[in-house]
Amino acid sequence: MIRIEAIKDYLVEMLTDLTQYFETININFLSNEPENYSIDKIPTQSKIEETITGKKLMKDVYNFRCRKPYSSEMAVNLSNMGFWETFESKIYSNNEQGILPNIKEIQEIKCLNCGSIQRAGTETCEMSIQIEADYIEDGSQELSL
């Protein structure tokens, strides 16, 4: 399984606990319909550090996006921000409990910022949060497709 798929599966499980409006998570695609989600890999430097034994601490950074209802009503927008606060808390709690994506030698997954609106229309908005997955690579691993 490739890492982005493992992240997607992890988030699917997490969202099932967080919201009743969730259907699926796409990869690199966010439709115009509310309550859909996408996980997109952000191009960044992958290697954080290398040990004397040749093991490497690596990272993948993702943009987790969603389209949510949006209006001038405070309750709608508070609900959107509450979703992200709950999401961040769940990521932190999962790390503490050792509930992590199915990535070989994963160390942690973390939110790099808070969820926020990226684009707003009259009825929906696109929101996102950036997440990072840190893992160990021993140098002998090869990706097989």
C-alpha atoms as a PDB file:
ATOM      1  CA  MET A   1       0.000   0.000   0.000  1.00  0.00           C
ATOM      2  CA  ILE A   2       1.376   3.428  -0.848  1.00  0.00           C
ATOM      3  CA  ARG A   3       1.574   5.992   1.961  1.00  0.00           C
ATOM      4  CA  ILE A   4      -1.128   8.365   0.658  1.00  0.00           C
ATOM      5  CA  GLU A   5      -3.553   5.424   0.546  1.00  0.00           C
ATOM      6  CA  ALA A   6      -2.676   4.520   4.150  1.00  0.00           C
ATOM      7  CA  ILE A   7      -3.291   8.149   5.186  1.00  0.00           C
ATOM      8  CA  LYS A   8      -6.612   8.118   3.324  1.00  0.00           C
ATOM      9  CA  ASP A   9      -7.709   4.886   5.064  1.00  0.00           C
ATOM     10  CA  TYR A  10      -6.688   6.325   8.452  1.00  0.00           C
ATOM     11  CA  LEU A  11      -8.697   9.506   7.819  1.00  0.00           C
ATOM     12  CA  VAL A  12     -11.730   7.529   6.598  1.00  0.00           C
ATOM     13  CA  GLU A  13     -11.777   5.640   9.893  1.00  0.00           C
ATOM     14  CA  MET A  14     -11.320   8.843  11.852  1.00  0.00           C
ATOM     15  CA  LEU A  15     -14.051  10.766  10.006  1.00  0.00           C
ATOM     16  CA  THR A  16     -16.492   7.920  10.495  1.00  0.00           C
ATOM     17  CA  ASP A  17     -16.228   8.716  14.217  1.00  0.00           C
ATOM     18  CA  LEU A  18     -16.346  12.505  13.757  1.00  0.00           C
ATOM     19  CA  THR A  19     -19.226  13.245  11.405  1.00  0.00           C
ATOM     20  CA  GLN A  20     -22.413  11.661  10.128  1.00  0.00           C
ATOM     21  CA  TYR A  21     -22.158  13.598   6.845  1.00  0.00           C
ATOM     22  CA  PHE A  22     -19.013  11.885   5.631  1.00  0.00           C
ATOM     23  CA  GLU A  23     -19.040   9.640   2.556  1.00  0.00           C
ATOM     24  CA  THR A  24     -15.503   9.206   1.245  1.00  0.00           C
ATOM     25  CA  ILE A  25     -12.143  10.873   0.802  1.00  0.00           C
ATOM     26  CA  ASN A  26     -10.831  11.472  -2.693  1.00  0.00           C
ATOM     27  CA  ILE A  27      -7.174  11.771  -3.634  1.00  0.00           C
ATOM     28  CA  ASN A  28      -6.299  15.049  -5.383  1.00  0.00           C
ATOM     29  CA  PHE A  29      -9.948  15.852  -6.150  1.00  0.00           C
ATOM     30  CA  LEU A  30     -12.504  18.004  -4.332  1.00  0.00           C
ATOM     31  CA  SER A  31     -15.948  18.308  -5.920  1.00  0.00           C
ATOM     32  CA  ASN A  32     -18.281  21.283  -5.604  1.00  0.00           C
ATOM     33  CA  GLU A  33     -20.716  19.348  -3.423  1.00  0.00           C
ATOM     34  CA  PRO A  34     -20.691  19.965   0.351  1.00  0.00           C
ATOM     35  CA  GLU A  35     -19.303  17.382   2.773  1.00  0.00           C
ATOM     36  CA  ASN A  36     -16.722  15.844   0.484  1.00  0.00           C
ATOM     37  CA  TYR A  37     -13.035  15.538   1.245  1.00  0.00           C
ATOM     38  CA  SER A  38      -9.690  15.210  -0.507  1.00  0.00           C
ATOM     39  CA  ILE A  39      -6.162  14.328   0.571  1.00  0.00           C
ATOM     40  CA  ASP A  40      -3.438  15.899  -1.575  1.00  0.00           C
ATOM     41  CA  LYS A  41       0.310  15.407  -1.181  1.00  0.00           C
ATOM     42  CA  ILE A  42       2.282  18.631  -0.826  1.00  0.00           C
ATOM     43  CA  PRO A  43       5.686  18.568  -2.497  1.00  0.00           C
ATOM     44  CA  THR A  44       8.261  19.135   0.236  1.00  0.00           C
ATOM     45  CA  GLN A  45      11.684  17.843   1.163  1.00  0.00           C
ATOM     46  CA  SER A  46      11.060  14.333   2.480  1.00  0.00           C
ATOM     47  CA  LYS A  47      14.168  13.651   4.559  1.00  0.00           C
ATOM     48  CA  ILE A  48      14.276  15.224   8.007  1.00  0.00           C
ATOM     49  CA  GLU A  49      17.519  13.613   9.226  1.00  0.00           C
ATOM     50  CA  GLU A  50      19.747  10.585   8.721  1.00  0.00           C
ATOM     51  CA  THR A  51      21.338   8.532  11.490  1.00  0.00           C
ATOM     52  CA  ILE A  52      24.833   7.079  11.530  1.00  0.00           C
ATOM     53  CA  THR A  53      23.284   3.631  10.901  1.00  0.00           C
ATOM     54  CA  GLY A  54      21.755   4.840   7.624  1.00  0.00           C
ATOM     55  CA  LYS A  55      18.187   5.023   8.858  1.00  0.00           C
ATOM     56  CA  LYS A  56      16.364   8.141   7.737  1.00  0.00           C
ATOM     57  CA  LEU A  57      13.623  10.070   9.493  1.00  0.00           C
ATOM     58  CA  MET A  58      11.283  10.998   6.670  1.00  0.00           C
ATOM     59  CA  LYS A  59       8.109  13.059   6.361  1.00  0.00           C
ATOM     60  CA  ASP A  60       5.185  13.351   4.006  1.00  0.00           C
ATOM     61  CA  VAL A  61       3.071  16.506   4.143  1.00  0.00           C
ATOM     62  CA  TYR A  62      -0.551  16.489   3.005  1.00  0.00           C
ATOM     63  CA  ASN A  63      -3.256  19.062   2.464  1.00  0.00           C
ATOM     64  CA  PHE A  64      -6.519  17.634   3.813  1.00  0.00           C
ATOM     65  CA  ARG A  65      -9.329  19.611   2.185  1.00  0.00           C
ATOM     66  CA  CYS A  66     -13.097  19.603   2.430  1.00  0.00           C
ATOM     67  CA  ARG A  67     -16.059  21.503   1.115  1.00  0.00           C
ATOM     68  CA  LYS A  68     -18.477  22.595   3.822  1.00  0.00           C
ATOM     69  CA  PRO A  69     -21.737  24.543   3.924  1.00  0.00           C
ATOM     70  CA  TYR A  70     -21.120  28.279   4.325  1.00  0.00           C
ATOM     71  CA  SER A  71     -23.346  31.246   5.014  1.00  0.00           C
ATOM     72  CA  SER A  72     -23.602  34.441   6.997  1.00  0.00           C
ATOM     73  CA  GLU A  73     -25.183  32.451   9.844  1.00  0.00           C
ATOM     74  CA  MET A  74     -22.782  32.209  12.759  1.00  0.00           C
ATOM     75  CA  ALA A  75     -23.987  28.702  13.728  1.00  0.00           C
ATOM     76  CA  VAL A  76     -22.942  27.258  10.349  1.00  0.00           C
ATOM     77  CA  ASN A  77     -19.464  28.762  10.523  1.00  0.00           C
ATOM     78  CA  LEU A  78     -18.980  27.827  14.177  1.00  0.00           C
ATOM     79  CA  SER A  79     -19.869  24.254  13.253  1.00  0.00           C
ATOM     80  CA  ASN A  80     -17.185  24.303  10.551  1.00  0.00           C
ATOM     81  CA  MET A  81     -14.526  25.553  12.939  1.00  0.00           C
ATOM     82  CA  GLY A  82     -15.690  23.075  15.594  1.00  0.00           C
ATOM     83  CA  PHE A  83     -15.117  20.273  13.104  1.00  0.00           C
ATOM     84  CA  TRP A  84     -11.447  21.263  12.740  1.00  0.00           C
ATOM     85  CA  GLU A  85     -10.927  21.626  16.484  1.00  0.00           C
ATOM     86  CA  THR A  86     -12.361  18.134  16.978  1.00  0.00           C
ATOM     87  CA  PHE A  87     -10.224  16.824  14.083  1.00  0.00           C
ATOM     88  CA  GLU A  88      -7.024  18.205  15.647  1.00  0.00           C
ATOM     89  CA  SER A  89      -7.939  16.764  19.053  1.00  0.00           C
ATOM     90  CA  LYS A  90      -8.601  13.348  17.506  1.00  0.00           C
ATOM     91  CA  ILE A  91      -5.205  13.357  15.717  1.00  0.00           C
ATOM     92  CA  TYR A  92      -3.478  14.219  19.003  1.00  0.00           C
ATOM     93  CA  SER A  93      -5.469  11.617  20.947  1.00  0.00           C
ATOM     94  CA  ASN A  94      -4.771   8.924  18.334  1.00  0.00           C
ATOM     95  CA  ASN A  95      -1.023   9.623  18.567  1.00  0.00           C
ATOM     96  CA  GLU A  96      -1.148   9.299  22.334  1.00  0.00           C
ATOM     97  CA  GLN A  97      -2.949   5.944  21.994  1.00  0.00           C
ATOM     98  CA  GLY A  98      -0.669   4.657  19.218  1.00  0.00           C
ATOM     99  CA  ILE A  99      -3.477   4.717  16.636  1.00  0.00           C
ATOM    100  CA  LEU A 100      -1.571   5.596  13.480  1.00  0.00           C
ATOM    101  CA  PRO A 101      -1.833   5.084   9.726  1.00  0.00           C
ATOM    102  CA  ASN A 102      -0.678   1.704   8.403  1.00  0.00           C
ATOM    103  CA  ILE A 103       2.762   2.928   7.281  1.00  0.00           C
ATOM    104  CA  LYS A 104       5.858   0.887   8.069  1.00  0.00           C
ATOM    105  CA  GLU A 105       7.751   2.397  11.028  1.00  0.00           C
ATOM    106  CA  ILE A 106       5.473   5.435  11.278  1.00  0.00           C
ATOM    107  CA  GLN A 107       6.401   7.619  14.230  1.00  0.00           C
ATOM    108  CA  GLU A 108       3.525  10.104  14.353  1.00  0.00           C
ATOM    109  CA  ILE A 109       0.977  12.080  12.401  1.00  0.00           C
ATOM    110  CA  LYS A 110       0.394  15.699  13.322  1.00  0.00           C
ATOM    111  CA  CYS A 111      -1.485  18.817  12.283  1.00  0.00           C
ATOM    112  CA  LEU A 112       0.820  21.588  11.106  1.00  0.00           C
ATOM    113  CA  ASN A 113      -1.796  24.323  11.489  1.00  0.00           C
ATOM    114  CA  CYS A 114      -5.462  24.795  12.294  1.00  0.00           C
ATOM    115  CA  GLY A 115      -8.218  24.182   9.771  1.00  0.00           C
ATOM    116  CA  SER A 116      -9.215  27.333   7.907  1.00  0.00           C
ATOM    117  CA  ILE A 117     -11.218  28.612   4.963  1.00  0.00           C
ATOM    118  CA  GLN A 118      -9.278  28.780   1.704  1.00  0.00           C
ATOM    119  CA  ARG A 119     -12.103  29.859  -0.639  1.00  0.00           C
ATOM    120  CA  ALA A 120     -15.682  30.877   0.083  1.00  0.00           C
ATOM    121  CA  GLY A 121     -18.712  31.045  -2.160  1.00  0.00           C
ATOM    122  CA  THR A 122     -22.283  31.980  -1.363  1.00  0.00           C
ATOM    123  CA  GLU A 123     -23.299  28.505  -0.134  1.00  0.00           C
ATOM    124  CA  THR A 124     -20.098  26.493   0.361  1.00  0.00           C
ATOM    125  CA  CYS A 125     -16.486  27.039   1.319  1.00  0.00           C
ATOM    126  CA  GLU A 126     -13.296  25.073   0.805  1.00  0.00           C
ATOM    127  CA  MET A 127     -11.432  24.462   4.028  1.00  0.00           C
ATOM    128  CA  SER A 128      -8.119  22.756   4.663  1.00  0.00           C
ATOM    129  CA  ILE A 129      -5.560  21.704   7.218  1.00  0.00           C
ATOM    130  CA  GLN A 130      -2.022  20.515   6.605  1.00  0.00           C
ATOM    131  CA  ILE A 131      -0.897  17.275   8.220  1.00  0.00           C
ATOM    132  CA  GLU A 132       2.496  15.598   8.425  1.00  0.00           C
ATOM    133  CA  ALA A 133       3.315  11.909   8.759  1.00  0.00           C
ATOM    134  CA  ASP A 134       6.806  11.110  10.085  1.00  0.00           C
ATOM    135  CA  TYR A 135       8.271   7.652   9.509  1.00  0.00           C
ATOM    136  CA  ILE A 136      11.593   5.790   9.517  1.00  0.00           C
ATOM    137  CA  GLU A 137      13.084   4.458   6.297  1.00  0.00           C
ATOM    138  CA  ASP A 138      16.052   2.106   6.408  1.00  0.00           C
ATOM    139  CA  GLY A 139      17.300   2.803   2.893  1.00  0.00           C
ATOM    140  CA  SER A 140      16.694  -0.727   1.615  1.00  0.00           C
ATOM    141  CA  GLN A 141      12.956  -0.244   1.066  1.00  0.00           C
ATOM    142  CA  GLU A 142      11.697  -0.198  -2.494  1.00  0.00           C
ATOM    143  CA  LEU A 143       8.264   0.885  -3.674  1.00  0.00           C
ATOM    144  CA  SER A 144       6.478  -1.810  -5.601  1.00  0.00           C
ATOM    145  CA  LEU A 145       3.413  -0.970  -7.644  1.00  0.00           C
END
